[in-house]
């Protein structure tokens, strides 16, 4: 693996961790206020889920 590839892999991992932190924070805030979230799956199906349920499955 070249140094450029390692650099890109490290950058990609940082982006993924940041996105995960942001999603968790969003779910926690919505759960604290008893709100729902709209989520979609890879097939394009959309559903409304209570944030507390989603938080418990994270």
Protein backbone atom coordinates (compact mmCIF):
# COMPACT_ATOMS: atom_id res chain seq x y z
CA UNK A 1 0.00 0.00 0.00
CA UNK A 2 1.43 3.37 -0.98
CA UNK A 3 1.65 6.32 1.38
CA UNK A 4 -1.04 8.10 -0.66
CA UNK A 5 -3.39 5.12 -0.24
CA UNK A 6 -2.71 5.03 3.51
CA UNK A 7 -3.40 8.74 3.72
CA UNK A 8 -6.71 8.34 1.88
CA UNK A 9 -7.68 5.39 4.09
CA UNK A 10 -6.94 7.39 7.24
CA UNK A 11 -8.94 10.34 5.91
CA UNK A 12 -11.86 8.08 5.00
CA UNK A 13 -11.86 6.54 8.49
CA UNK A 14 -11.92 10.01 10.07
CA UNK A 15 -14.87 11.02 7.91
CA UNK A 16 -16.77 7.86 8.83
CA UNK A 17 -16.15 8.33 12.56
CA UNK A 18 -17.27 11.95 12.35
CA UNK A 19 -20.45 11.00 10.52
CA UNK A 20 -21.21 8.29 13.08
CA UNK A 21 -20.72 10.78 15.93
CA UNK A 22 -23.04 13.27 14.24
CA UNK A 23 -25.77 10.68 13.66
CA UNK A 24 -25.55 9.47 17.26
CA UNK A 25 -25.81 13.04 18.55
CA UNK A 26 -28.85 13.67 16.33
CA UNK A 27 -30.57 10.51 17.57
CA UNK A 28 -29.77 11.33 21.21
CA UNK A 29 -31.19 14.85 20.90
CA UNK A 30 -34.33 13.60 19.16
CA UNK A 31 -34.78 10.83 21.74
CA UNK A 32 -34.47 13.32 24.60
CA UNK A 33 -37.39 15.29 23.16
CA UNK A 34 -39.52 12.21 22.31
CA UNK A 35 -39.33 12.80 18.57
CA UNK A 36 -39.37 10.44 15.61
CA UNK A 37 -36.83 10.02 12.82
CA UNK A 38 -37.40 9.16 9.20
CA UNK A 39 -35.01 6.45 8.07
CA UNK A 40 -34.48 4.64 4.80
CA UNK A 41 -32.95 1.32 3.90
CA UNK A 42 -30.76 0.32 0.98
CA UNK A 43 -33.84 -0.65 -1.07
CA UNK A 44 -35.35 2.82 -0.78
CA UNK A 45 -38.03 1.92 1.75
CA UNK A 46 -38.78 4.73 4.18
CA UNK A 47 -40.14 4.39 7.70
CA UNK A 48 -40.76 6.60 10.72
CA UNK A 49 -39.13 5.30 13.90
CA UNK A 50 -39.21 6.71 17.44
CA UNK A 51 -35.73 8.04 18.18
CA UNK A 52 -35.67 6.18 21.51
CA UNK A 53 -36.10 2.85 19.70
CA UNK A 54 -33.35 3.72 17.27
CA UNK A 55 -31.05 4.81 20.07
CA UNK A 56 -31.55 1.54 21.92
CA UNK A 57 -30.57 -0.41 18.80
CA UNK A 58 -27.38 1.60 18.29
